[in-house]
Amino acid sequence: MSIQKAKSSETVTSYVERKTGFIEGMSAGGVFTVTCVDKDGNEKWVDVAPNLVVNTGLQMMNTQFFKGSAYTAAWYVGLVNGTSSTTTFSGGDTLATHAGWTENSSYAGTRPAATFGAATLADPSNINNSATTASFTFTANATIAGAFLTNVASGTSPGLLFSAADFQSPGDRTVVTGDVLNVTYSFNLDAQ
């Protein structure tokens, strides 16, 4: 007869981790809403295009707010040409240098102003130009791929590119002479 002995042990280890400071983040982003109407005022299509806030736009926000640099709030909406095979945006794009896209100017006048209303007191805080949309009246047929926000009505110097957006599916949109594009830009700051 054999006698077997067994010995077992169990060890439990635990610890408590505590945050010792506050870590808060913020996200910022905008959306272009573009509505196309024909010469008779009939809606042809609507596109909602989330934007990329480029590096110069992020730097400008920090500089103006935290450094208190001299600042005049003048913003304008531009249109992205859809005639190239692909449209690409990069965080490194500037108004003067953007290899993945070109501006469309097949409309009357210069870039229309984006006149913003008051920012909401909420999380997220929103500001937009919905009370006064930026309107483009086309003087020629064109293909439009998206929109961008800048601080100059024409040209590139000394302009700053804030953000740019590519139209969502189905992608590039066509307009004909007499069509009007109404563009609203909505920008949110969200505490996280």
N, C-alpha and C. Protein backbone atom coordinates (compact mmCIF):
# COMPACT_ATOMS: atom_id res chain seq x y z
N MET A 1 0.84 -1.15 0.00
CA MET A 1 0.00 0.00 0.00
C MET A 1 0.89 1.22 0.00
N SER A 2 0.55 2.16 -0.83
CA SER A 2 1.35 3.37 -0.86
C SER A 2 0.52 4.54 -0.37
N ILE A 3 1.21 5.46 0.25
CA ILE A 3 0.55 6.66 0.78
C ILE A 3 1.07 7.84 -0.04
N GLN A 4 0.15 8.56 -0.58
CA GLN A 4 0.52 9.73 -1.37
C GLN A 4 0.13 11.00 -0.63
N LYS A 5 1.04 11.94 -0.62
CA LYS A 5 0.76 13.22 0.02
C LYS A 5 0.85 14.30 -1.06
N ALA A 6 -0.03 15.24 -0.98
CA ALA A 6 -0.01 16.35 -1.93
C ALA A 6 -0.03 17.66 -1.15
N LYS A 7 0.71 18.60 -1.64
CA LYS A 7 0.75 19.90 -0.99
C LYS A 7 0.53 20.94 -2.09
N SER A 8 -0.37 21.86 -1.83
CA SER A 8 -0.61 22.91 -2.82
C SER A 8 -0.61 24.26 -2.13
N SER A 9 -0.29 25.24 -2.89
CA SER A 9 -0.34 26.59 -2.35
C SER A 9 -0.81 27.53 -3.45
N GLU A 10 -1.37 28.64 -3.08
CA GLU A 10 -1.88 29.62 -4.03
C GLU A 10 -1.46 30.99 -3.55
N THR A 11 -1.01 31.78 -4.46
CA THR A 11 -0.61 33.14 -4.12
C THR A 11 -1.45 34.11 -4.92
N VAL A 12 -1.98 35.12 -4.27
CA VAL A 12 -2.77 36.16 -4.92
C VAL A 12 -2.07 37.48 -4.68
N THR A 13 -1.84 38.19 -5.74
CA THR A 13 -1.21 39.50 -5.63
C THR A 13 -2.17 40.53 -6.20
N SER A 14 -2.28 41.65 -5.53
CA SER A 14 -3.13 42.71 -6.05
C SER A 14 -2.48 44.05 -5.78
N TYR A 15 -2.90 45.03 -6.55
CA TYR A 15 -2.40 46.38 -6.32
C TYR A 15 -3.47 47.36 -6.75
N VAL A 16 -3.36 48.56 -6.27
CA VAL A 16 -4.30 49.62 -6.61
C VAL A 16 -3.52 50.69 -7.36
N GLU A 17 -4.03 51.08 -8.50
CA GLU A 17 -3.38 52.13 -9.27
C GLU A 17 -4.28 53.36 -9.20
N ARG A 18 -3.68 54.50 -8.96
CA ARG A 18 -4.46 55.71 -8.80
C ARG A 18 -3.87 56.79 -9.70
N LYS A 19 -4.76 57.52 -10.36
CA LYS A 19 -4.30 58.64 -11.14
C LYS A 19 -3.89 59.75 -10.20
N THR A 20 -2.74 60.31 -10.43
CA THR A 20 -2.27 61.36 -9.54
C THR A 20 -2.42 62.74 -10.15
N GLY A 21 -2.85 62.84 -11.36
CA GLY A 21 -3.01 64.14 -12.00
C GLY A 21 -4.14 64.09 -13.00
N PHE A 22 -4.48 65.22 -13.52
CA PHE A 22 -5.53 65.29 -14.51
C PHE A 22 -4.90 65.24 -15.89
N ILE A 23 -5.45 64.42 -16.71
CA ILE A 23 -5.02 64.37 -18.09
C ILE A 23 -6.26 64.67 -18.92
N GLU A 24 -6.20 65.75 -19.66
CA GLU A 24 -7.35 66.14 -20.45
C GLU A 24 -6.90 66.34 -21.88
N GLY A 25 -7.72 65.94 -22.77
CA GLY A 25 -7.41 66.10 -24.18
C GLY A 25 -8.48 66.93 -24.85
N MET A 26 -8.25 67.22 -26.09
CA MET A 26 -9.21 67.98 -26.86
C MET A 26 -9.13 67.50 -28.30
N SER A 27 -10.26 67.45 -28.93
CA SER A 27 -10.25 67.16 -30.36
C SER A 27 -10.91 68.32 -31.08
N ALA A 28 -10.44 68.56 -32.27
CA ALA A 28 -10.96 69.65 -33.08
C ALA A 28 -11.22 69.11 -34.48
N GLY A 29 -12.32 69.49 -35.04
CA GLY A 29 -12.61 69.04 -36.39
C GLY A 29 -13.79 69.78 -36.97
N GLY A 30 -13.85 69.79 -38.27
CA GLY A 30 -14.91 70.50 -38.95
C GLY A 30 -15.52 69.68 -40.07
N VAL A 31 -16.62 70.22 -40.57
CA VAL A 31 -17.36 69.56 -41.64
C VAL A 31 -17.84 70.63 -42.62
N PHE A 32 -17.62 70.39 -43.91
CA PHE A 32 -18.19 71.23 -44.95
C PHE A 32 -19.49 70.58 -45.41
N THR A 33 -20.57 71.35 -45.43
CA THR A 33 -21.83 70.88 -46.02
C THR A 33 -22.05 71.70 -47.28
N VAL A 34 -22.08 71.01 -48.43
CA VAL A 34 -22.16 71.68 -49.72
C VAL A 34 -23.47 71.28 -50.38
N THR A 35 -24.27 72.30 -50.72
CA THR A 35 -25.55 72.06 -51.39
C THR A 35 -25.50 72.70 -52.77
N CYS A 36 -25.82 71.93 -53.79
CA CYS A 36 -25.85 72.43 -55.16
C CYS A 36 -27.30 72.64 -55.58
N VAL A 37 -27.59 73.85 -56.07
CA VAL A 37 -28.92 74.13 -56.63
C VAL A 37 -28.75 74.60 -58.07
N ASP A 38 -29.73 74.28 -58.90
CA ASP A 38 -29.64 74.70 -60.30
C ASP A 38 -30.10 76.15 -60.44
N LYS A 39 -30.08 76.66 -61.67
CA LYS A 39 -30.40 78.07 -61.91
C LYS A 39 -31.83 78.42 -61.51
N ASP A 40 -32.69 77.41 -61.38
CA ASP A 40 -34.08 77.65 -60.97
C ASP A 40 -34.29 77.45 -59.47
N GLY A 41 -33.21 77.17 -58.73
CA GLY A 41 -33.32 77.00 -57.29
C GLY A 41 -33.66 75.59 -56.82
N ASN A 42 -33.66 74.62 -57.72
CA ASN A 42 -33.94 73.23 -57.36
C ASN A 42 -32.68 72.55 -56.84
N GLU A 43 -32.80 71.87 -55.73
CA GLU A 43 -31.64 71.17 -55.16
C GLU A 43 -31.25 70.00 -56.04
N LYS A 44 -29.95 69.94 -56.40
CA LYS A 44 -29.44 68.86 -57.23
C LYS A 44 -28.74 67.79 -56.39
N TRP A 45 -27.96 68.22 -55.41
CA TRP A 45 -27.26 67.27 -54.54
C TRP A 45 -26.73 67.99 -53.30
N VAL A 46 -26.42 67.18 -52.27
CA VAL A 46 -25.84 67.67 -51.01
C VAL A 46 -24.69 66.73 -50.65
N ASP A 47 -23.59 67.28 -50.18
CA ASP A 47 -22.48 66.46 -49.71
C ASP A 47 -22.01 67.00 -48.37
N VAL A 48 -21.75 66.11 -47.44
CA VAL A 48 -21.21 66.46 -46.13
C VAL A 48 -19.81 65.87 -46.08
N ALA A 49 -18.80 66.74 -45.99
CA ALA A 49 -17.40 66.31 -46.09
C ALA A 49 -16.62 66.68 -44.84
N PRO A 50 -16.26 65.69 -44.01
CA PRO A 50 -15.40 65.98 -42.85
C PRO A 50 -14.04 66.48 -43.34
N ASN A 51 -13.46 67.41 -42.60
CA ASN A 51 -12.21 68.03 -43.05
C ASN A 51 -10.98 67.52 -42.31
N LEU A 52 -9.85 67.87 -42.87
CA LEU A 52 -8.54 67.69 -42.24
C LEU A 52 -8.07 69.09 -41.86
N VAL A 53 -7.87 69.34 -40.57
CA VAL A 53 -7.26 70.60 -40.15
C VAL A 53 -5.76 70.41 -40.33
N VAL A 54 -5.17 71.18 -41.23
CA VAL A 54 -3.76 71.01 -41.57
C VAL A 54 -2.86 71.63 -40.49
N ASN A 55 -1.57 71.32 -40.56
CA ASN A 55 -0.61 71.78 -39.54
C ASN A 55 -0.62 73.29 -39.35
N THR A 56 -0.71 74.04 -40.47
CA THR A 56 -0.71 75.51 -40.33
C THR A 56 -1.96 75.98 -39.60
N GLY A 57 -3.07 75.29 -39.77
CA GLY A 57 -4.29 75.64 -39.05
C GLY A 57 -4.17 75.37 -37.56
N LEU A 58 -3.59 74.22 -37.20
CA LEU A 58 -3.39 73.89 -35.78
C LEU A 58 -2.44 74.89 -35.12
N GLN A 59 -1.35 75.22 -35.82
CA GLN A 59 -0.39 76.17 -35.28
C GLN A 59 -1.04 77.55 -35.09
N MET A 60 -1.83 77.98 -36.06
CA MET A 60 -2.51 79.27 -35.97
C MET A 60 -3.44 79.31 -34.77
N MET A 61 -4.20 78.23 -34.52
CA MET A 61 -5.11 78.20 -33.36
C MET A 61 -4.34 78.39 -32.07
N ASN A 62 -3.26 77.67 -31.89
CA ASN A 62 -2.45 77.80 -30.67
C ASN A 62 -1.83 79.19 -30.55
N THR A 63 -1.27 79.68 -31.63
CA THR A 63 -0.61 80.99 -31.59
C THR A 63 -1.60 82.09 -31.25
N GLN A 64 -2.73 82.11 -31.92
CA GLN A 64 -3.70 83.18 -31.68
C GLN A 64 -4.27 83.12 -30.27
N PHE A 65 -4.58 81.93 -29.79
CA PHE A 65 -5.22 81.81 -28.49
C PHE A 65 -4.23 81.97 -27.34
N PHE A 66 -3.13 81.25 -27.38
CA PHE A 66 -2.22 81.24 -26.24
C PHE A 66 -1.18 82.37 -26.28
N LYS A 67 -0.77 82.80 -27.45
CA LYS A 67 0.22 83.88 -27.54
C LYS A 67 -0.46 85.24 -27.65
N GLY A 68 -1.73 85.27 -28.05
CA GLY A 68 -2.45 86.53 -28.17
C GLY A 68 -1.92 87.42 -29.29
N SER A 69 -1.47 86.82 -30.38
CA SER A 69 -0.96 87.58 -31.51
C SER A 69 -2.07 88.43 -32.12
N ALA A 70 -1.65 89.52 -32.77
CA ALA A 70 -2.63 90.36 -33.46
C ALA A 70 -3.40 89.50 -34.45
N TYR A 71 -4.70 89.70 -34.51
CA TYR A 71 -5.52 88.78 -35.28
C TYR A 71 -6.78 89.46 -35.78
N THR A 72 -7.08 89.26 -37.03
CA THR A 72 -8.34 89.71 -37.61
C THR A 72 -9.04 88.48 -38.16
N ALA A 73 -10.25 88.25 -37.72
CA ALA A 73 -10.98 87.05 -38.13
C ALA A 73 -11.60 87.25 -39.51
N ALA A 74 -10.89 86.87 -40.53
CA ALA A 74 -11.39 86.91 -41.90
C ALA A 74 -11.19 85.52 -42.49
N TRP A 75 -12.28 84.86 -42.86
CA TRP A 75 -12.19 83.51 -43.41
C TRP A 75 -12.94 83.44 -44.72
N TYR A 76 -12.42 82.59 -45.61
CA TYR A 76 -13.00 82.43 -46.94
C TYR A 76 -13.02 80.96 -47.32
N VAL A 77 -14.02 80.59 -48.11
CA VAL A 77 -14.17 79.21 -48.57
C VAL A 77 -13.69 79.12 -50.01
N GLY A 78 -12.90 78.09 -50.30
CA GLY A 78 -12.46 77.81 -51.65
C GLY A 78 -12.93 76.43 -52.07
N LEU A 79 -12.86 76.15 -53.35
CA LEU A 79 -13.30 74.86 -53.87
C LEU A 79 -12.12 74.10 -54.46
N VAL A 80 -12.16 72.78 -54.30
CA VAL A 80 -11.11 71.89 -54.80
C VAL A 80 -11.55 71.35 -56.16
N ASN A 81 -10.63 71.43 -57.13
CA ASN A 81 -10.87 70.96 -58.47
C ASN A 81 -10.96 69.44 -58.50
N GLY A 82 -11.90 68.91 -59.24
CA GLY A 82 -12.06 67.47 -59.34
C GLY A 82 -11.63 66.91 -60.66
N THR A 83 -10.80 67.61 -61.40
CA THR A 83 -10.41 67.14 -62.73
C THR A 83 -9.19 66.23 -62.74
N SER A 84 -8.48 66.13 -61.61
CA SER A 84 -7.34 65.21 -61.58
C SER A 84 -7.84 63.81 -61.25
N SER A 85 -6.99 62.81 -61.46
CA SER A 85 -7.42 61.43 -61.23
C SER A 85 -7.62 61.13 -59.75
N THR A 86 -6.85 61.76 -58.88
CA THR A 86 -7.03 61.57 -57.44
C THR A 86 -6.86 62.90 -56.72
N THR A 87 -7.53 63.03 -55.63
CA THR A 87 -7.40 64.20 -54.77
C THR A 87 -6.92 63.71 -53.42
N THR A 88 -5.78 64.21 -52.97
CA THR A 88 -5.27 63.81 -51.66
C THR A 88 -4.88 65.05 -50.86
N PHE A 89 -5.16 64.98 -49.58
CA PHE A 89 -4.82 66.06 -48.67
C PHE A 89 -3.78 65.55 -47.68
N SER A 90 -2.93 66.46 -47.21
CA SER A 90 -1.88 66.11 -46.27
C SER A 90 -1.84 67.17 -45.17
N GLY A 91 -1.47 66.75 -43.97
CA GLY A 91 -1.30 67.68 -42.87
C GLY A 91 -0.28 68.76 -43.18
N GLY A 92 0.65 68.47 -44.08
CA GLY A 92 1.68 69.43 -44.45
C GLY A 92 1.28 70.40 -45.55
N ASP A 93 0.04 70.27 -46.08
CA ASP A 93 -0.42 71.19 -47.12
C ASP A 93 -0.44 72.62 -46.59
N THR A 94 -0.10 73.56 -47.46
CA THR A 94 -0.25 74.98 -47.17
C THR A 94 -1.06 75.57 -48.32
N LEU A 95 -1.46 76.82 -48.19
CA LEU A 95 -2.23 77.43 -49.28
C LEU A 95 -1.37 77.55 -50.54
N ALA A 96 -0.09 77.79 -50.38
CA ALA A 96 0.80 77.94 -51.53
C ALA A 96 1.29 76.61 -52.09
N THR A 97 1.38 75.57 -51.25
CA THR A 97 1.94 74.29 -51.68
C THR A 97 1.06 73.14 -51.23
N HIS A 98 0.41 72.50 -52.19
CA HIS A 98 -0.45 71.34 -51.92
C HIS A 98 -0.44 70.45 -53.15
N ALA A 99 0.45 69.49 -53.15
CA ALA A 99 0.71 68.66 -54.33
C ALA A 99 -0.46 67.77 -54.73
N GLY A 100 -1.35 67.41 -53.77
CA GLY A 100 -2.40 66.45 -54.07
C GLY A 100 -3.71 67.02 -54.58
N TRP A 101 -3.77 68.35 -54.77
CA TRP A 101 -5.01 68.96 -55.25
C TRP A 101 -4.78 70.35 -55.82
N THR A 102 -5.76 70.83 -56.59
CA THR A 102 -5.72 72.18 -57.15
C THR A 102 -7.03 72.89 -56.83
N GLU A 103 -6.98 74.20 -56.89
CA GLU A 103 -8.18 75.00 -56.61
C GLU A 103 -9.01 75.16 -57.87
N ASN A 104 -10.33 75.17 -57.72
CA ASN A 104 -11.24 75.44 -58.82
C ASN A 104 -11.69 76.89 -58.74
N SER A 105 -11.73 77.56 -59.87
CA SER A 105 -12.17 78.96 -59.89
C SER A 105 -13.15 79.22 -61.04
N SER A 106 -14.02 78.26 -61.32
CA SER A 106 -14.99 78.36 -62.41
C SER A 106 -16.26 79.07 -61.96
N TYR A 107 -16.14 80.05 -61.06
CA TYR A 107 -17.29 80.76 -60.52
C TYR A 107 -17.04 82.26 -60.57
N ALA A 108 -18.09 83.03 -60.40
CA ALA A 108 -17.99 84.50 -60.44
C ALA A 108 -17.36 85.02 -59.15
N GLY A 109 -16.45 85.99 -59.31
CA GLY A 109 -15.87 86.66 -58.15
C GLY A 109 -14.71 85.91 -57.51
N THR A 110 -14.40 86.30 -56.27
CA THR A 110 -13.33 85.69 -55.50
C THR A 110 -13.93 84.69 -54.51
N ARG A 111 -13.09 84.08 -53.70
CA ARG A 111 -13.57 83.15 -52.67
C ARG A 111 -14.57 83.89 -51.77
N PRO A 112 -15.74 83.32 -51.56
CA PRO A 112 -16.72 84.00 -50.71
C PRO A 112 -16.34 83.89 -49.23
N ALA A 113 -16.75 84.89 -48.47
CA ALA A 113 -16.46 84.93 -47.04
C ALA A 113 -17.24 83.86 -46.29
N ALA A 114 -16.62 83.35 -45.25
CA ALA A 114 -17.29 82.47 -44.28
C ALA A 114 -17.48 83.32 -43.03
N THR A 115 -18.69 83.84 -42.84
CA THR A 115 -18.99 84.72 -41.71
C THR A 115 -19.58 83.87 -40.60
N PHE A 116 -18.81 83.71 -39.53
CA PHE A 116 -19.21 82.83 -38.44
C PHE A 116 -20.08 83.53 -37.41
N GLY A 117 -21.04 82.79 -36.86
CA GLY A 117 -21.86 83.28 -35.76
C GLY A 117 -21.14 83.05 -34.44
N ALA A 118 -21.86 83.15 -33.34
CA ALA A 118 -21.28 82.94 -32.01
C ALA A 118 -21.07 81.45 -31.77
N ALA A 119 -20.01 81.12 -31.06
CA ALA A 119 -19.74 79.72 -30.68
C ALA A 119 -20.72 79.30 -29.58
N THR A 120 -21.14 78.05 -29.64
CA THR A 120 -22.05 77.54 -28.61
C THR A 120 -21.29 77.28 -27.31
N LEU A 121 -21.99 77.37 -26.20
CA LEU A 121 -21.42 77.08 -24.90
C LEU A 121 -21.85 75.66 -24.55
N ALA A 122 -21.09 74.70 -25.01
CA ALA A 122 -21.44 73.30 -24.83
C ALA A 122 -20.19 72.47 -25.06
N ASP A 123 -20.30 71.19 -24.83
CA ASP A 123 -19.22 70.27 -25.13
C ASP A 123 -19.77 69.23 -26.09
N PRO A 124 -19.53 69.34 -27.38
CA PRO A 124 -18.55 70.21 -28.00
C PRO A 124 -19.09 71.62 -28.24
N SER A 125 -18.17 72.58 -28.27
CA SER A 125 -18.52 73.94 -28.67
C SER A 125 -18.45 73.99 -30.19
N ASN A 126 -19.48 74.55 -30.80
CA ASN A 126 -19.58 74.59 -32.26
C ASN A 126 -19.65 76.03 -32.73
N ILE A 127 -19.01 76.29 -33.86
CA ILE A 127 -19.14 77.58 -34.54
C ILE A 127 -19.35 77.27 -36.01
N ASN A 128 -20.22 78.06 -36.68
CA ASN A 128 -20.48 77.79 -38.10
C ASN A 128 -20.93 79.06 -38.80
N ASN A 129 -21.02 78.98 -40.11
CA ASN A 129 -21.50 80.09 -40.92
C ASN A 129 -22.87 79.80 -41.53
N SER A 130 -23.69 79.04 -40.81
CA SER A 130 -24.99 78.62 -41.36
C SER A 130 -25.95 79.79 -41.57
N ALA A 131 -25.80 80.89 -40.83
CA ALA A 131 -26.68 82.04 -41.03
C ALA A 131 -26.36 82.77 -42.33
N THR A 132 -25.11 82.69 -42.79
CA THR A 132 -24.68 83.33 -44.03
C THR A 132 -23.76 82.36 -44.76
N THR A 133 -24.34 81.48 -45.57
CA THR A 133 -23.52 80.49 -46.27
C THR A 133 -22.65 81.15 -47.33
N ALA A 134 -21.53 80.53 -47.62
CA ALA A 134 -20.65 80.98 -48.70
C ALA A 134 -21.24 80.45 -50.01
N SER A 135 -21.53 81.34 -50.96
CA SER A 135 -22.17 80.93 -52.21
C SER A 135 -21.27 81.15 -53.42
N PHE A 136 -21.28 80.16 -54.31
CA PHE A 136 -20.51 80.18 -55.55
C PHE A 136 -21.49 80.07 -56.72
N THR A 137 -21.49 81.01 -57.64
CA THR A 137 -22.31 80.93 -58.85
C THR A 137 -21.39 80.58 -60.01
N PHE A 138 -21.64 79.45 -60.65
CA PHE A 138 -20.73 78.94 -61.67
C PHE A 138 -20.94 79.60 -63.02
N THR A 139 -19.82 79.99 -63.63
CA THR A 139 -19.81 80.62 -64.95
C THR A 139 -19.35 79.64 -66.04
N ALA A 140 -19.03 78.41 -65.63
CA ALA A 140 -18.60 77.37 -66.57
C ALA A 140 -18.91 76.00 -65.94
N ASN A 141 -19.01 74.99 -66.78
CA ASN A 141 -19.16 73.64 -66.27
C ASN A 141 -17.88 73.25 -65.53
N ALA A 142 -18.02 72.46 -64.46
CA ALA A 142 -16.85 72.09 -63.67
C ALA A 142 -17.11 70.81 -62.90
N THR A 143 -16.02 70.22 -62.42
CA THR A 143 -16.08 69.08 -61.52
C THR A 143 -15.43 69.51 -60.22
N ILE A 144 -16.14 69.33 -59.11
CA ILE A 144 -15.69 69.79 -57.80
C ILE A 144 -15.43 68.56 -56.93
N ALA A 145 -14.26 68.56 -56.26
CA ALA A 145 -13.87 67.42 -55.43
C ALA A 145 -14.02 67.69 -53.94
N GLY A 146 -14.11 68.96 -53.53
CA GLY A 146 -14.20 69.28 -52.12
C GLY A 146 -14.10 70.76 -51.87
N ALA A 147 -13.74 71.13 -50.63
CA ALA A 147 -13.68 72.53 -50.24
C ALA A 147 -12.54 72.74 -49.26
N PHE A 148 -12.17 74.01 -49.08
CA PHE A 148 -11.13 74.35 -48.10
C PHE A 148 -11.44 75.69 -47.46
N LEU A 149 -10.79 75.96 -46.33
CA LEU A 149 -10.97 77.21 -45.59
C LEU A 149 -9.63 77.92 -45.49
N THR A 150 -9.62 79.20 -45.84
CA THR A 150 -8.40 80.00 -45.84
C THR A 150 -8.71 81.40 -45.29
N ASN A 151 -7.67 82.18 -45.07
CA ASN A 151 -7.88 83.52 -44.54
C ASN A 151 -7.65 84.63 -45.57
N VAL A 152 -7.61 84.28 -46.85
CA VAL A 152 -7.49 85.29 -47.91
C VAL A 152 -8.55 85.03 -48.99
N ALA A 153 -9.08 86.13 -49.58
CA ALA A 153 -10.15 86.02 -50.58
C ALA A 153 -9.64 85.57 -51.94
N SER A 154 -8.35 85.78 -52.20
CA SER A 154 -7.78 85.34 -53.48
C SER A 154 -6.28 85.18 -53.32
N GLY A 155 -5.69 84.44 -54.23
CA GLY A 155 -4.25 84.23 -54.21
C GLY A 155 -3.80 83.34 -53.07
N THR A 156 -2.49 83.31 -52.86
CA THR A 156 -1.92 82.43 -51.83
C THR A 156 -1.07 83.16 -50.81
N SER A 157 -0.71 84.42 -51.07
CA SER A 157 0.21 85.12 -50.18
C SER A 157 -0.46 86.34 -49.59
N PRO A 158 -0.41 86.55 -48.31
CA PRO A 158 0.22 85.75 -47.26
C PRO A 158 -0.78 84.79 -46.63
N GLY A 159 -1.54 84.11 -47.44
CA GLY A 159 -2.63 83.28 -46.97
C GLY A 159 -2.23 82.06 -46.16
N LEU A 160 -3.19 81.64 -45.35
CA LEU A 160 -3.02 80.47 -44.49
C LEU A 160 -4.12 79.47 -44.83
N LEU A 161 -3.76 78.22 -45.05
CA LEU A 161 -4.73 77.15 -45.25
C LEU A 161 -5.08 76.61 -43.87
N PHE A 162 -6.37 76.62 -43.51
CA PHE A 162 -6.79 76.09 -42.23
C PHE A 162 -7.19 74.62 -42.33
N SER A 163 -8.05 74.32 -43.30
CA SER A 163 -8.53 72.95 -43.44
C SER A 163 -8.97 72.68 -44.87
N ALA A 164 -9.09 71.39 -45.20
CA ALA A 164 -9.52 70.98 -46.53
C ALA A 164 -10.30 69.67 -46.40
N ALA A 165 -11.24 69.46 -47.32
CA ALA A 165 -12.08 68.27 -47.27
C ALA A 165 -12.36 67.74 -48.66
N ASP A 166 -12.44 66.44 -48.75
CA ASP A 166 -12.75 65.73 -49.99
C ASP A 166 -14.19 65.24 -49.89
N PHE A 167 -14.96 65.38 -50.98
CA PHE A 167 -16.33 64.89 -50.97
C PHE A 167 -16.37 63.40 -50.68
N GLN A 168 -17.39 62.99 -49.97
CA GLN A 168 -17.60 61.58 -49.64
C GLN A 168 -18.20 60.86 -50.84
N SER A 169 -18.51 59.59 -50.68
CA SER A 169 -19.09 58.79 -51.75
C SER A 169 -20.36 59.46 -52.26
N PRO A 170 -20.54 59.67 -53.52
CA PRO A 170 -19.87 59.04 -54.65
C PRO A 170 -18.63 59.77 -55.14
N GLY A 171 -18.13 60.77 -54.41
CA GLY A 171 -16.89 61.44 -54.81
C GLY A 171 -17.14 62.74 -55.53
N ASP A 172 -16.31 63.01 -56.55
CA ASP A 172 -16.39 64.27 -57.28
C ASP A 172 -17.81 64.53 -57.79
N ARG A 173 -18.16 65.83 -57.82
CA ARG A 173 -19.51 66.22 -58.24
C ARG A 173 -19.40 67.20 -59.41
N THR A 174 -20.36 67.11 -60.33
CA THR A 174 -20.35 68.02 -61.47
C THR A 174 -21.33 69.16 -61.24
N VAL A 175 -20.97 70.32 -61.78
CA VAL A 175 -21.85 71.49 -61.80
C VAL A 175 -21.84 72.03 -63.22
N VAL A 176 -22.89 72.75 -63.56
CA VAL A 176 -22.98 73.36 -64.89
C VAL A 176 -23.15 74.86 -64.72
N THR A 177 -22.92 75.58 -65.80
CA THR A 177 -23.06 77.03 -65.78
C THR A 177 -24.43 77.40 -65.21
N GLY A 178 -24.44 78.32 -64.26
CA GLY A 178 -25.67 78.77 -63.62
C GLY A 178 -25.96 78.08 -62.30
N ASP A 179 -25.33 76.93 -62.04
CA ASP A 179 -25.51 76.26 -60.74
C ASP A 179 -24.91 77.12 -59.63
N VAL A 180 -25.45 76.96 -58.43
CA VAL A 180 -24.94 77.66 -57.25
C VAL A 180 -24.60 76.63 -56.20
N LEU A 181 -23.39 76.74 -55.64
CA LEU A 181 -23.01 75.91 -54.49
C LEU A 181 -23.08 76.78 -53.26
N ASN A 182 -23.82 76.32 -52.25
CA ASN A 182 -23.90 76.98 -50.95
C ASN A 182 -23.13 76.13 -49.97
N VAL A 183 -22.13 76.73 -49.31
CA VAL A 183 -21.22 75.98 -48.46
C VAL A 183 -21.30 76.49 -47.02
N THR A 184 -21.56 75.56 -46.12
CA THR A 184 -21.54 75.85 -44.69
C THR A 184 -20.35 75.11 -44.09
N TYR A 185 -19.59 75.81 -43.25
CA TYR A 185 -18.50 75.18 -42.52
C TYR A 185 -18.84 75.19 -41.05
N SER A 186 -18.77 74.03 -40.43
CA SER A 186 -19.09 73.87 -39.01
C SER A 186 -17.86 73.28 -38.32
N PHE A 187 -17.40 73.94 -37.23
CA PHE A 187 -16.18 73.53 -36.55
C PHE A 187 -16.48 73.27 -35.08
N ASN A 188 -16.00 72.12 -34.56
CA ASN A 188 -16.23 71.74 -33.17
C ASN A 188 -14.93 71.63 -32.40
N LEU A 189 -14.95 72.06 -31.14
CA LEU A 189 -13.89 71.78 -30.17
C LEU A 189 -14.53 70.95 -29.08
N ASP A 190 -13.94 69.79 -28.80
CA ASP A 190 -14.53 68.82 -27.89
C ASP A 190 -13.52 68.44 -26.82
N ALA A 191 -13.87 68.65 -25.54
CA ALA A 191 -13.01 68.22 -24.44
C ALA A 191 -13.15 66.72 -24.27
N GLN A 192 -12.02 66.05 -24.05
CA GLN A 192 -12.08 64.59 -23.90
C GLN A 192 -11.42 64.17 -22.62
